[in-house]
Amino acid sequence: MNNFLSKNKVWLSVGIIWLFHISAIIGISLGNLDWFIEKTPINLGLSFFLFLLVYPIDHLKKVIALVLFFAGGMFAEWLGVNHQILFGEYTYGHNFGQKLDGVPYLIGAYWALLTFITASILDYTNFSYRIKIVGGAGLMVLLDFFMEKSAPTFHFWKFVNGMPSLENYWTWFFLGIIFQVVLKSFNIKGSQAFSLNLYLAQLCFFLFFYV
C-alpha cells in the first residue's frame, strides 16, 4: 500500500486538487457560496500540503527558497495593506484565515506556492532562461487578474476603489520576476504534472466565476 501511494502520489494529489475545485464550482453554483468559500483556508492549506508532499521540500535550497518567498510575499503584502505601497489601497477579508498585522499567513504561502508551480510549468519546455522567467511571472499575473473580480465577492480582499489599478499587476509581475530569478539560481525543479494541474484547476475556478 505504501509503495502504491509513493509511486502514485502525484496523480493522487492531482485527483484531490480537481475534486476540491470542481466540487467548489458546483456547490457555489447551486447557491452554497458562504459554505464553500469559508473553507478557502482548508483548500489552500491542502494544496500547500500536497505541494510539500509531491516536490518535496527535502533539502536546504528548497527550504531557503520557500522561506524567502513566504517572507517576501508577506512583507510586500504588509506594505500594501498597511502603507498602501506597491499594490494600491486594499484590505483582506475574513475568508483567508489567520492574519499577521492585517496580512493572512496563507497569502505568504500562496506567493511561495505560485512561484514554484509556475516555474515548474515552464522548466520542462525548450524556452530560453529569460523566457522561462518572464513567462513564470506572467502566469502569476494572469491568475491574479482572474482572481481579482471574484475576490471581493468571496471576501478574500477588496480594493478601496473597487478593482485594482495597473500598479497591482505591475507589482505582481516585478515581484514574480525576482522570485523566478531566485528559484532559477537555486536550480530547483518540481513536478510539471502536479504544477500544471494545480495551476489549471485554480485558473478554471476563477475563470468560471469571471465570465
N, C-alpha and C. Protein backbone atom coordinates (compact mmCIF):
# COMPACT_ATOMS: atom_id res chain seq x y z
N MET A 1 0.83 -1.21 0.00
CA MET A 1 0.00 0.00 0.00
C MET A 1 0.86 1.26 0.00
N ASN A 2 1.87 1.27 0.89
CA ASN A 2 2.77 2.43 0.96
C ASN A 2 3.51 2.61 -0.35
N ASN A 3 3.90 1.49 -0.97
CA ASN A 3 4.61 1.56 -2.25
C ASN A 3 3.71 2.13 -3.33
N PHE A 4 2.43 1.75 -3.31
CA PHE A 4 1.46 2.26 -4.28
C PHE A 4 1.29 3.76 -4.12
N LEU A 5 1.15 4.22 -2.87
CA LEU A 5 0.97 5.65 -2.61
C LEU A 5 2.19 6.44 -3.03
N SER A 6 3.37 5.86 -2.78
CA SER A 6 4.60 6.55 -3.13
C SER A 6 4.74 6.72 -4.64
N LYS A 7 4.39 5.66 -5.38
CA LYS A 7 4.53 5.70 -6.84
C LYS A 7 3.47 6.59 -7.49
N ASN A 8 2.32 6.70 -6.85
CA ASN A 8 1.20 7.40 -7.48
C ASN A 8 0.82 8.69 -6.76
N LYS A 9 1.70 9.21 -5.91
CA LYS A 9 1.33 10.37 -5.10
C LYS A 9 1.04 11.60 -5.95
N VAL A 10 1.73 11.73 -7.09
CA VAL A 10 1.48 12.90 -7.94
C VAL A 10 0.06 12.87 -8.48
N TRP A 11 -0.35 11.73 -9.05
CA TRP A 11 -1.67 11.65 -9.68
C TRP A 11 -2.78 11.59 -8.64
N LEU A 12 -2.51 11.01 -7.49
CA LEU A 12 -3.49 11.06 -6.40
C LEU A 12 -3.69 12.49 -5.94
N SER A 13 -2.60 13.24 -5.84
CA SER A 13 -2.67 14.65 -5.45
C SER A 13 -3.43 15.46 -6.49
N VAL A 14 -3.15 15.18 -7.76
CA VAL A 14 -3.86 15.87 -8.85
C VAL A 14 -5.37 15.60 -8.77
N GLY A 15 -5.72 14.34 -8.51
CA GLY A 15 -7.14 13.99 -8.39
C GLY A 15 -7.82 14.74 -7.25
N ILE A 16 -7.14 14.84 -6.12
CA ILE A 16 -7.70 15.56 -4.97
C ILE A 16 -7.88 17.04 -5.30
N ILE A 17 -6.88 17.62 -5.97
CA ILE A 17 -6.95 19.04 -6.35
C ILE A 17 -8.19 19.30 -7.21
N TRP A 18 -8.38 18.50 -8.24
CA TRP A 18 -9.52 18.71 -9.13
C TRP A 18 -10.84 18.43 -8.42
N LEU A 19 -10.86 17.42 -7.57
CA LEU A 19 -12.08 17.10 -6.82
C LEU A 19 -12.54 18.29 -5.98
N PHE A 20 -11.60 18.91 -5.28
CA PHE A 20 -11.94 20.05 -4.42
C PHE A 20 -12.40 21.25 -5.25
N HIS A 21 -11.71 21.53 -6.36
CA HIS A 21 -12.06 22.71 -7.15
C HIS A 21 -13.39 22.53 -7.89
N ILE A 22 -13.60 21.35 -8.46
CA ILE A 22 -14.85 21.10 -9.17
C ILE A 22 -16.02 21.08 -8.19
N SER A 23 -15.81 20.48 -7.02
CA SER A 23 -16.87 20.47 -6.00
C SER A 23 -17.24 21.89 -5.59
N ALA A 24 -16.23 22.75 -5.46
CA ALA A 24 -16.50 24.14 -5.07
C ALA A 24 -17.28 24.87 -6.16
N ILE A 25 -16.91 24.65 -7.42
CA ILE A 25 -17.63 25.29 -8.52
C ILE A 25 -19.10 24.87 -8.52
N ILE A 26 -19.33 23.56 -8.37
CA ILE A 26 -20.71 23.06 -8.36
C ILE A 26 -21.47 23.57 -7.16
N GLY A 27 -20.84 23.49 -5.99
CA GLY A 27 -21.50 23.93 -4.76
C GLY A 27 -21.87 25.40 -4.76
N ILE A 28 -20.94 26.23 -5.21
CA ILE A 28 -21.21 27.68 -5.26
C ILE A 28 -22.28 27.98 -6.29
N SER A 29 -22.24 27.29 -7.43
CA SER A 29 -23.24 27.49 -8.48
C SER A 29 -24.64 27.11 -8.01
N LEU A 30 -24.71 26.18 -7.07
CA LEU A 30 -26.01 25.74 -6.55
C LEU A 30 -26.49 26.61 -5.39
N GLY A 31 -25.73 27.68 -5.08
CA GLY A 31 -26.18 28.63 -4.07
C GLY A 31 -25.54 28.48 -2.70
N ASN A 32 -24.49 27.68 -2.62
CA ASN A 32 -23.85 27.46 -1.32
C ASN A 32 -22.53 28.24 -1.21
N LEU A 33 -22.56 29.49 -1.65
CA LEU A 33 -21.35 30.31 -1.68
C LEU A 33 -20.66 30.39 -0.33
N ASP A 34 -21.40 30.78 0.71
CA ASP A 34 -20.78 31.01 2.02
C ASP A 34 -20.12 29.74 2.56
N TRP A 35 -20.81 28.61 2.42
CA TRP A 35 -20.28 27.37 2.99
C TRP A 35 -18.96 27.00 2.34
N PHE A 36 -18.88 27.08 1.00
CA PHE A 36 -17.67 26.68 0.30
C PHE A 36 -16.55 27.70 0.45
N ILE A 37 -16.87 28.98 0.36
CA ILE A 37 -15.82 29.99 0.42
C ILE A 37 -15.22 30.09 1.81
N GLU A 38 -16.02 29.81 2.83
CA GLU A 38 -15.47 29.79 4.20
C GLU A 38 -14.43 28.69 4.38
N LYS A 39 -14.45 27.71 3.46
CA LYS A 39 -13.48 26.61 3.54
C LYS A 39 -12.20 26.91 2.74
N THR A 40 -12.05 28.13 2.25
CA THR A 40 -10.87 28.50 1.48
C THR A 40 -9.56 28.18 2.20
N PRO A 41 -9.42 28.50 3.50
CA PRO A 41 -8.16 28.14 4.17
C PRO A 41 -7.87 26.64 4.12
N ILE A 42 -8.92 25.82 4.19
CA ILE A 42 -8.72 24.37 4.13
C ILE A 42 -8.23 23.98 2.74
N ASN A 43 -8.85 24.54 1.71
CA ASN A 43 -8.48 24.23 0.33
C ASN A 43 -7.04 24.65 0.03
N LEU A 44 -6.70 25.89 0.39
CA LEU A 44 -5.33 26.36 0.16
C LEU A 44 -4.33 25.60 1.01
N GLY A 45 -4.72 25.32 2.25
CA GLY A 45 -3.84 24.55 3.13
C GLY A 45 -3.58 23.16 2.59
N LEU A 46 -4.62 22.52 2.05
CA LEU A 46 -4.47 21.20 1.45
C LEU A 46 -3.58 21.26 0.21
N SER A 47 -3.78 22.27 -0.63
CA SER A 47 -2.96 22.43 -1.83
C SER A 47 -1.49 22.60 -1.45
N PHE A 48 -1.25 23.37 -0.41
CA PHE A 48 0.12 23.60 0.04
C PHE A 48 0.72 22.31 0.61
N PHE A 49 -0.07 21.55 1.36
CA PHE A 49 0.40 20.28 1.90
C PHE A 49 0.76 19.31 0.79
N LEU A 50 -0.10 19.22 -0.23
CA LEU A 50 0.16 18.31 -1.36
C LEU A 50 1.40 18.76 -2.12
N PHE A 51 1.57 20.07 -2.24
CA PHE A 51 2.78 20.60 -2.87
C PHE A 51 4.03 20.15 -2.11
N LEU A 52 4.01 20.25 -0.79
CA LEU A 52 5.15 19.82 0.02
C LEU A 52 5.38 18.32 -0.11
N LEU A 53 4.31 17.57 -0.27
CA LEU A 53 4.40 16.11 -0.40
C LEU A 53 4.99 15.70 -1.74
N VAL A 54 4.58 16.39 -2.81
CA VAL A 54 4.95 15.99 -4.16
C VAL A 54 6.36 16.46 -4.52
N TYR A 55 6.75 17.66 -4.10
CA TYR A 55 8.05 18.16 -4.58
C TYR A 55 9.24 17.33 -4.11
N PRO A 56 9.48 16.94 -2.96
CA PRO A 56 9.11 17.55 -1.68
C PRO A 56 10.16 18.59 -1.28
N ILE A 57 9.93 19.30 -0.18
CA ILE A 57 10.92 20.25 0.32
C ILE A 57 11.89 19.46 1.19
N ASP A 58 12.86 18.84 0.54
CA ASP A 58 13.69 17.85 1.22
C ASP A 58 15.17 18.20 1.32
N HIS A 59 15.55 19.41 0.90
CA HIS A 59 16.93 19.81 1.14
C HIS A 59 17.00 21.31 1.35
N LEU A 60 18.16 21.79 1.77
CA LEU A 60 18.30 23.15 2.28
C LEU A 60 17.91 24.20 1.26
N LYS A 61 18.28 24.02 0.00
CA LYS A 61 17.97 25.03 -1.01
C LYS A 61 16.46 25.24 -1.14
N LYS A 62 15.70 24.16 -1.12
CA LYS A 62 14.25 24.28 -1.23
C LYS A 62 13.66 24.97 0.00
N VAL A 63 14.20 24.64 1.17
CA VAL A 63 13.72 25.28 2.39
C VAL A 63 13.99 26.78 2.35
N ILE A 64 15.21 27.14 1.95
CA ILE A 64 15.57 28.56 1.88
C ILE A 64 14.68 29.30 0.89
N ALA A 65 14.46 28.71 -0.29
CA ALA A 65 13.62 29.34 -1.29
C ALA A 65 12.19 29.50 -0.77
N LEU A 66 11.67 28.48 -0.15
CA LEU A 66 10.31 28.53 0.39
C LEU A 66 10.16 29.63 1.42
N VAL A 67 11.13 29.72 2.34
CA VAL A 67 11.09 30.75 3.38
C VAL A 67 11.22 32.14 2.78
N LEU A 68 12.11 32.29 1.79
CA LEU A 68 12.30 33.59 1.14
C LEU A 68 11.02 34.06 0.46
N PHE A 69 10.35 33.17 -0.26
CA PHE A 69 9.14 33.56 -0.98
C PHE A 69 8.00 33.85 -0.02
N PHE A 70 7.91 33.05 1.03
CA PHE A 70 6.87 33.29 2.04
C PHE A 70 7.09 34.65 2.71
N ALA A 71 8.32 34.87 3.17
CA ALA A 71 8.62 36.13 3.86
C ALA A 71 8.52 37.33 2.92
N GLY A 72 9.02 37.16 1.70
CA GLY A 72 8.95 38.24 0.72
C GLY A 72 7.52 38.60 0.37
N GLY A 73 6.68 37.58 0.17
CA GLY A 73 5.27 37.81 -0.12
C GLY A 73 4.56 38.48 1.03
N MET A 74 4.82 38.02 2.26
CA MET A 74 4.21 38.61 3.44
C MET A 74 4.61 40.07 3.60
N PHE A 75 5.90 40.36 3.40
CA PHE A 75 6.39 41.73 3.56
C PHE A 75 5.78 42.66 2.51
N ALA A 76 5.74 42.19 1.26
CA ALA A 76 5.15 43.01 0.20
C ALA A 76 3.68 43.29 0.49
N GLU A 77 2.95 42.28 0.95
CA GLU A 77 1.54 42.46 1.26
C GLU A 77 1.36 43.36 2.49
N TRP A 78 2.27 43.27 3.44
CA TRP A 78 2.21 44.13 4.62
C TRP A 78 2.37 45.59 4.23
N LEU A 79 3.31 45.86 3.31
CA LEU A 79 3.48 47.22 2.80
C LEU A 79 2.21 47.69 2.10
N GLY A 80 1.58 46.77 1.36
CA GLY A 80 0.36 47.13 0.63
C GLY A 80 -0.81 47.41 1.56
N VAL A 81 -1.02 46.52 2.53
CA VAL A 81 -2.17 46.65 3.43
C VAL A 81 -2.02 47.83 4.38
N ASN A 82 -0.83 48.00 4.94
CA ASN A 82 -0.64 48.98 6.00
C ASN A 82 -0.12 50.34 5.53
N HIS A 83 0.50 50.37 4.36
CA HIS A 83 1.09 51.63 3.89
C HIS A 83 0.70 51.99 2.46
N GLN A 84 -0.19 51.19 1.85
CA GLN A 84 -0.67 51.44 0.50
C GLN A 84 0.49 51.59 -0.50
N ILE A 85 1.55 50.82 -0.26
CA ILE A 85 2.70 50.80 -1.16
C ILE A 85 2.64 49.53 -2.00
N LEU A 86 3.01 49.61 -3.25
CA LEU A 86 3.16 48.51 -4.19
C LEU A 86 1.86 48.14 -4.91
N PHE A 87 0.84 47.68 -4.18
CA PHE A 87 -0.34 47.13 -4.86
C PHE A 87 -1.48 48.13 -4.99
N GLY A 88 -1.50 49.14 -4.16
CA GLY A 88 -2.64 50.04 -4.09
C GLY A 88 -3.26 49.97 -2.71
N GLU A 89 -4.46 50.53 -2.57
CA GLU A 89 -5.13 50.58 -1.27
C GLU A 89 -6.18 49.47 -1.18
N TYR A 90 -5.95 48.51 -0.30
CA TYR A 90 -6.84 47.36 -0.19
C TYR A 90 -6.77 46.76 1.20
N THR A 91 -7.71 45.92 1.52
CA THR A 91 -7.72 45.19 2.79
C THR A 91 -8.14 43.75 2.53
N TYR A 92 -7.70 42.86 3.42
CA TYR A 92 -8.08 41.45 3.31
C TYR A 92 -9.37 41.19 4.08
N GLY A 93 -10.20 40.30 3.53
CA GLY A 93 -11.44 39.92 4.17
C GLY A 93 -11.24 38.80 5.18
N HIS A 94 -12.34 38.14 5.53
CA HIS A 94 -12.30 37.15 6.62
C HIS A 94 -12.18 35.71 6.13
N ASN A 95 -12.08 35.49 4.82
CA ASN A 95 -12.06 34.12 4.30
C ASN A 95 -10.67 33.63 3.92
N PHE A 96 -9.65 34.33 4.35
CA PHE A 96 -8.29 33.91 4.03
C PHE A 96 -7.51 33.44 5.26
N GLY A 97 -8.23 33.20 6.33
CA GLY A 97 -7.59 32.63 7.52
C GLY A 97 -6.93 33.67 8.42
N GLN A 98 -6.13 33.16 9.36
CA GLN A 98 -5.47 34.00 10.35
C GLN A 98 -4.52 35.01 9.71
N LYS A 99 -4.39 36.18 10.37
CA LYS A 99 -3.58 37.26 9.80
C LYS A 99 -2.49 37.71 10.76
N LEU A 100 -1.46 38.29 10.18
CA LEU A 100 -0.41 38.96 10.94
C LEU A 100 -0.42 40.42 10.52
N ASP A 101 -0.89 41.28 11.42
CA ASP A 101 -0.98 42.71 11.15
C ASP A 101 -1.75 42.99 9.86
N GLY A 102 -2.85 42.29 9.70
CA GLY A 102 -3.72 42.51 8.55
C GLY A 102 -3.42 41.67 7.32
N VAL A 103 -2.34 40.89 7.37
CA VAL A 103 -1.93 40.08 6.21
C VAL A 103 -2.11 38.60 6.53
N PRO A 104 -2.92 37.87 5.79
CA PRO A 104 -3.12 36.44 6.06
C PRO A 104 -1.83 35.64 5.84
N TYR A 105 -1.57 34.71 6.75
CA TYR A 105 -0.40 33.83 6.57
C TYR A 105 -0.51 33.06 5.27
N LEU A 106 -1.74 32.72 4.89
CA LEU A 106 -1.93 31.92 3.68
C LEU A 106 -1.50 32.66 2.42
N ILE A 107 -1.54 34.00 2.43
CA ILE A 107 -1.13 34.72 1.23
C ILE A 107 0.38 34.61 1.04
N GLY A 108 1.12 34.55 2.14
CA GLY A 108 2.56 34.31 2.04
C GLY A 108 2.86 32.93 1.48
N ALA A 109 2.10 31.94 1.97
CA ALA A 109 2.25 30.58 1.46
C ALA A 109 1.85 30.52 -0.02
N TYR A 110 0.84 31.31 -0.39
CA TYR A 110 0.37 31.30 -1.78
C TYR A 110 1.41 31.89 -2.72
N TRP A 111 2.09 32.96 -2.29
CA TRP A 111 3.18 33.52 -3.10
C TRP A 111 4.24 32.45 -3.36
N ALA A 112 4.61 31.71 -2.32
CA ALA A 112 5.63 30.67 -2.47
C ALA A 112 5.13 29.56 -3.39
N LEU A 113 3.92 29.10 -3.13
CA LEU A 113 3.33 28.01 -3.93
C LEU A 113 3.26 28.39 -5.40
N LEU A 114 2.76 29.60 -5.67
CA LEU A 114 2.58 30.03 -7.06
C LEU A 114 3.91 30.20 -7.78
N THR A 115 4.92 30.65 -7.06
CA THR A 115 6.25 30.78 -7.67
C THR A 115 6.79 29.42 -8.10
N PHE A 116 6.69 28.44 -7.23
CA PHE A 116 7.19 27.10 -7.53
C PHE A 116 6.45 26.46 -8.71
N ILE A 117 5.12 26.54 -8.69
CA ILE A 117 4.39 25.79 -9.72
C ILE A 117 4.48 26.46 -11.09
N THR A 118 4.49 27.79 -11.13
CA THR A 118 4.62 28.45 -12.43
C THR A 118 6.00 28.21 -13.03
N ALA A 119 7.01 28.19 -12.18
CA ALA A 119 8.37 27.88 -12.66
C ALA A 119 8.43 26.46 -13.20
N SER A 120 7.81 25.52 -12.49
CA SER A 120 7.85 24.12 -12.92
C SER A 120 7.13 23.90 -14.24
N ILE A 121 6.06 24.64 -14.47
CA ILE A 121 5.33 24.50 -15.73
C ILE A 121 6.24 24.80 -16.91
N LEU A 122 7.09 25.81 -16.77
CA LEU A 122 7.96 26.23 -17.88
C LEU A 122 9.32 25.54 -17.88
N ASP A 123 9.69 24.93 -16.76
CA ASP A 123 11.01 24.28 -16.68
C ASP A 123 11.16 23.14 -17.67
N TYR A 124 10.05 22.54 -18.05
CA TYR A 124 10.12 21.37 -18.94
C TYR A 124 9.85 21.73 -20.40
N THR A 125 10.00 23.03 -20.71
CA THR A 125 9.89 23.49 -22.10
C THR A 125 11.30 23.77 -22.62
N ASN A 126 11.39 24.08 -23.91
CA ASN A 126 12.67 24.41 -24.53
C ASN A 126 12.91 25.91 -24.63
N PHE A 127 12.09 26.68 -23.91
CA PHE A 127 12.27 28.12 -23.94
C PHE A 127 13.60 28.52 -23.30
N SER A 128 14.07 29.70 -23.62
CA SER A 128 15.31 30.20 -23.05
C SER A 128 15.11 30.54 -21.57
N TYR A 129 16.22 30.71 -20.88
CA TYR A 129 16.22 31.06 -19.46
C TYR A 129 15.37 32.30 -19.21
N ARG A 130 15.56 33.33 -20.02
CA ARG A 130 14.84 34.59 -19.82
C ARG A 130 13.35 34.44 -20.09
N ILE A 131 13.00 33.70 -21.12
CA ILE A 131 11.59 33.48 -21.42
C ILE A 131 10.90 32.71 -20.30
N LYS A 132 11.60 31.76 -19.72
CA LYS A 132 11.02 31.00 -18.61
C LYS A 132 10.74 31.91 -17.41
N ILE A 133 11.65 32.82 -17.13
CA ILE A 133 11.47 33.75 -16.01
C ILE A 133 10.30 34.69 -16.26
N VAL A 134 10.30 35.31 -17.44
CA VAL A 134 9.22 36.24 -17.78
C VAL A 134 7.88 35.49 -17.88
N GLY A 135 7.91 34.29 -18.47
CA GLY A 135 6.69 33.50 -18.60
C GLY A 135 6.13 33.08 -17.25
N GLY A 136 7.01 32.68 -16.33
CA GLY A 136 6.57 32.29 -14.99
C GLY A 136 5.90 33.45 -14.28
N ALA A 137 6.54 34.63 -14.35
CA ALA A 137 5.95 35.83 -13.73
C ALA A 137 4.63 36.18 -14.41
N GLY A 138 4.58 36.00 -15.73
CA GLY A 138 3.36 36.29 -16.48
C GLY A 138 2.21 35.38 -16.06
N LEU A 139 2.50 34.11 -15.82
CA LEU A 139 1.46 33.18 -15.36
C LEU A 139 0.94 33.58 -13.99
N MET A 140 1.82 34.09 -13.13
CA MET A 140 1.40 34.56 -11.81
C MET A 140 0.43 35.73 -11.94
N VAL A 141 0.76 36.67 -12.83
CA VAL A 141 -0.09 37.84 -13.04
C VAL A 141 -1.43 37.44 -13.67
N LEU A 142 -1.38 36.50 -14.60
CA LEU A 142 -2.60 36.06 -15.28
C LEU A 142 -3.61 35.49 -14.27
N LEU A 143 -3.14 34.65 -13.36
CA LEU A 143 -4.04 34.07 -12.36
C LEU A 143 -4.59 35.16 -11.45
N ASP A 144 -3.73 36.08 -11.03
CA ASP A 144 -4.19 37.18 -10.18
C ASP A 144 -5.25 38.01 -10.90
N PHE A 145 -5.08 38.24 -12.20
CA PHE A 145 -6.05 39.03 -12.96
C PHE A 145 -7.45 38.44 -12.88
N PHE A 146 -7.55 37.13 -13.03
CA PHE A 146 -8.87 36.49 -12.99
C PHE A 146 -9.39 36.33 -11.56
N MET A 147 -8.49 36.33 -10.58
CA MET A 147 -8.92 36.26 -9.19
C MET A 147 -9.56 37.56 -8.73
N GLU A 148 -9.10 38.67 -9.28
CA GLU A 148 -9.49 39.98 -8.76
C GLU A 148 -11.00 40.23 -8.82
N LYS A 149 -11.66 39.76 -9.86
CA LYS A 149 -13.10 40.01 -9.98
C LYS A 149 -13.90 39.32 -8.88
N SER A 150 -13.49 38.09 -8.53
CA SER A 150 -14.23 37.31 -7.53
C SER A 150 -13.80 37.62 -6.10
N ALA A 151 -12.62 38.18 -5.93
CA ALA A 151 -12.06 38.37 -4.59
C ALA A 151 -12.99 39.12 -3.64
N PRO A 152 -13.59 40.25 -4.04
CA PRO A 152 -14.50 40.93 -3.09
C PRO A 152 -15.74 40.10 -2.76
N THR A 153 -16.31 39.42 -3.75
CA THR A 153 -17.50 38.58 -3.53
C THR A 153 -17.19 37.44 -2.57
N PHE A 154 -15.99 36.88 -2.71
CA PHE A 154 -15.59 35.75 -1.87
C PHE A 154 -15.00 36.21 -0.53
N HIS A 155 -14.95 37.51 -0.31
CA HIS A 155 -14.37 38.08 0.92
C HIS A 155 -12.91 37.67 1.10
N PHE A 156 -12.18 37.67 -0.02
CA PHE A 156 -10.74 37.43 0.04
C PHE A 156 -10.03 38.74 0.34
N TRP A 157 -10.21 39.71 -0.55
CA TRP A 157 -9.66 41.06 -0.35
C TRP A 157 -10.50 42.04 -1.17
N LYS A 158 -10.34 43.32 -0.86
CA LYS A 158 -11.12 44.34 -1.56
C LYS A 158 -10.31 45.62 -1.69
N PHE A 159 -10.26 46.17 -2.91
CA PHE A 159 -9.61 47.44 -3.14
C PHE A 159 -10.59 48.58 -2.85
N VAL A 160 -10.05 49.66 -2.33
CA VAL A 160 -10.88 50.79 -1.93
C VAL A 160 -11.68 51.32 -3.11
N ASN A 161 -11.08 51.40 -4.27
CA ASN A 161 -11.76 51.94 -5.45
C ASN A 161 -12.42 50.85 -6.31
N GLY A 162 -12.67 49.71 -5.72
CA GLY A 162 -13.31 48.63 -6.47
C GLY A 162 -12.29 47.66 -7.04
N MET A 163 -11.95 47.83 -8.30
CA MET A 163 -10.98 46.96 -8.95
C MET A 163 -9.58 47.55 -8.85
N PRO A 164 -8.55 46.71 -8.88
CA PRO A 164 -7.17 47.20 -8.76
C PRO A 164 -6.73 48.00 -9.98
N SER A 165 -5.74 48.85 -9.76
CA SER A 165 -5.15 49.61 -10.87
C SER A 165 -4.01 48.80 -11.49
N LEU A 166 -3.41 49.35 -12.53
CA LEU A 166 -2.27 48.69 -13.17
C LEU A 166 -1.11 48.52 -12.20
N GLU A 167 -1.04 49.36 -11.18
CA GLU A 167 0.02 49.26 -10.17
C GLU A 167 0.06 47.87 -9.55
N ASN A 168 -1.12 47.31 -9.30
CA ASN A 168 -1.20 45.98 -8.70
C ASN A 168 -0.55 44.93 -9.59
N TYR A 169 -0.86 44.98 -10.88
CA TYR A 169 -0.37 43.96 -11.80
C TYR A 169 1.13 44.13 -12.09
N TRP A 170 1.56 45.38 -12.19
CA TRP A 170 3.00 45.61 -12.38
C TRP A 170 3.79 45.12 -11.18
N THR A 171 3.25 45.32 -9.98
CA THR A 171 3.94 44.85 -8.77
C THR A 171 4.00 43.33 -8.75
N TRP A 172 2.88 42.68 -9.08
CA TRP A 172 2.87 41.22 -9.16
C TRP A 172 3.94 40.74 -10.15
N PHE A 173 4.00 41.39 -11.30
CA PHE A 173 4.95 40.98 -12.33
C PHE A 173 6.38 41.21 -11.88
N PHE A 174 6.66 42.35 -11.27
CA PHE A 174 8.01 42.68 -10.82
C PHE A 174 8.47 41.70 -9.73
N LEU A 175 7.62 41.48 -8.74
CA LEU A 175 7.98 40.53 -7.68
C LEU A 175 8.09 39.11 -8.23
N GLY A 176 7.21 38.79 -9.17
CA GLY A 176 7.27 37.47 -9.81
C GLY A 176 8.60 37.26 -10.51
N ILE A 177 9.09 38.28 -11.20
CA ILE A 177 10.39 38.19 -11.86
C ILE A 177 11.49 37.91 -10.84
N ILE A 178 11.48 38.67 -9.74
CA ILE A 178 12.51 38.48 -8.70
C ILE A 178 12.47 37.06 -8.15
N PHE A 179 11.27 36.59 -7.81
CA PHE A 179 11.13 35.25 -7.23
C PHE A 179 11.55 34.17 -8.23
N GLN A 180 11.18 34.36 -9.50
CA GLN A 180 11.54 33.38 -10.52
C GLN A 180 13.06 33.32 -10.71
N VAL A 181 13.72 34.47 -10.67
CA VAL A 181 15.18 34.51 -10.80
C VAL A 181 15.84 33.76 -9.64
N VAL A 182 15.33 34.01 -8.43
CA VAL A 182 15.87 33.32 -7.24
C VAL A 182 15.72 31.81 -7.39
N LEU A 183 14.54 31.38 -7.80
CA LEU A 183 14.29 29.95 -7.93
C LEU A 183 15.20 29.33 -8.99
N LYS A 184 15.38 30.03 -10.11
CA LYS A 184 16.25 29.53 -11.17
C LYS A 184 17.70 29.46 -10.69
N SER A 185 18.12 30.43 -9.88
CA SER A 185 19.50 30.43 -9.39
C SER A 185 19.76 29.25 -8.46
N PHE A 186 18.70 28.76 -7.80
CA PHE A 186 18.82 27.58 -6.94
C PHE A 186 18.72 26.28 -7.73
N ASN A 187 18.33 26.40 -9.01
CA ASN A 187 18.19 25.23 -9.89
C ASN A 187 17.26 24.18 -9.28
N ILE A 188 16.08 24.66 -8.84
CA ILE A 188 15.09 23.78 -8.24
C ILE A 188 14.01 23.46 -9.27
N LYS A 189 13.73 22.19 -9.47
CA LYS A 189 12.67 21.77 -10.37
C LYS A 189 11.70 20.86 -9.63
N GLY A 190 10.43 20.99 -9.97
CA GLY A 190 9.42 20.17 -9.33
C GLY A 190 8.64 19.35 -10.33
N SER A 191 7.48 18.89 -9.91
CA SER A 191 6.64 18.05 -10.76
C SER A 191 5.83 18.92 -11.72
N GLN A 192 6.06 18.74 -13.01
CA GLN A 192 5.31 19.50 -14.00
C GLN A 192 3.83 19.10 -13.99
N ALA A 193 3.56 17.81 -13.86
CA ALA A 193 2.17 17.33 -13.87
C ALA A 193 1.37 17.94 -12.73
N PHE A 194 1.92 17.91 -11.52
CA PHE A 194 1.22 18.48 -10.37
C PHE A 194 1.07 19.98 -10.54
N SER A 195 2.16 20.65 -10.94
CA SER A 195 2.15 22.10 -11.06
C SER A 195 1.13 22.57 -12.09
N LEU A 196 1.13 21.93 -13.25
CA LEU A 196 0.22 22.31 -14.32
C LEU A 196 -1.23 22.10 -13.91
N ASN A 197 -1.51 20.98 -13.28
CA ASN A 197 -2.89 20.68 -12.88
C ASN A 197 -3.37 21.61 -11.77
N LEU A 198 -2.52 21.92 -10.81
CA LEU A 198 -2.93 22.85 -9.74
C LEU A 198 -3.19 24.23 -10.32
N TYR A 199 -2.31 24.67 -11.21
CA TYR A 199 -2.50 25.99 -11.83
C TYR A 199 -3.79 26.02 -12.65
N LEU A 200 -4.01 25.00 -13.47
CA LEU A 200 -5.20 24.96 -14.31
C LEU A 200 -6.49 24.84 -13.49
N ALA A 201 -6.42 24.10 -12.39
CA ALA A 201 -7.60 23.96 -11.54
C ALA A 201 -7.99 25.32 -10.96
N GLN A 202 -7.00 26.08 -10.51
CA GLN A 202 -7.30 27.40 -9.96
C GLN A 202 -7.74 28.37 -11.05
N LEU A 203 -7.08 28.29 -12.20
CA LEU A 203 -7.45 29.16 -13.31
C LEU A 203 -8.89 28.88 -13.77
N CYS A 204 -9.24 27.61 -13.91
CA CYS A 204 -10.60 27.24 -14.32
C CYS A 204 -11.63 27.71 -13.29
N PHE A 205 -11.29 27.59 -12.01
CA PHE A 205 -12.20 28.02 -10.96
C PHE A 205 -12.52 29.50 -11.09
N PHE A 206 -11.48 30.33 -11.20
CA PHE A 206 -11.70 31.78 -11.25
C PHE A 206 -12.22 32.24 -12.61
N LEU A 207 -11.86 31.52 -13.66
CA LEU A 207 -12.44 31.82 -14.97
C LEU A 207 -13.95 31.57 -14.98
N PHE A 208 -14.37 30.50 -14.31
CA PHE A 208 -15.78 30.15 -14.27
C PHE A 208 -16.60 31.28 -13.66
N PHE A 209 -16.06 31.90 -12.61
CA PHE A 209 -16.81 32.97 -11.94
C PHE A 209 -16.46 34.35 -12.48
N TYR A 210 -15.55 34.39 -13.46
CA TYR A 210 -15.20 35.67 -14.08
C TYR A 210 -16.19 36.02 -15.19
N VAL A 211 -16.60 34.99 -15.92
CA VAL A 211 -17.47 35.23 -17.09
C VAL A 211 -18.94 35.33 -16.68
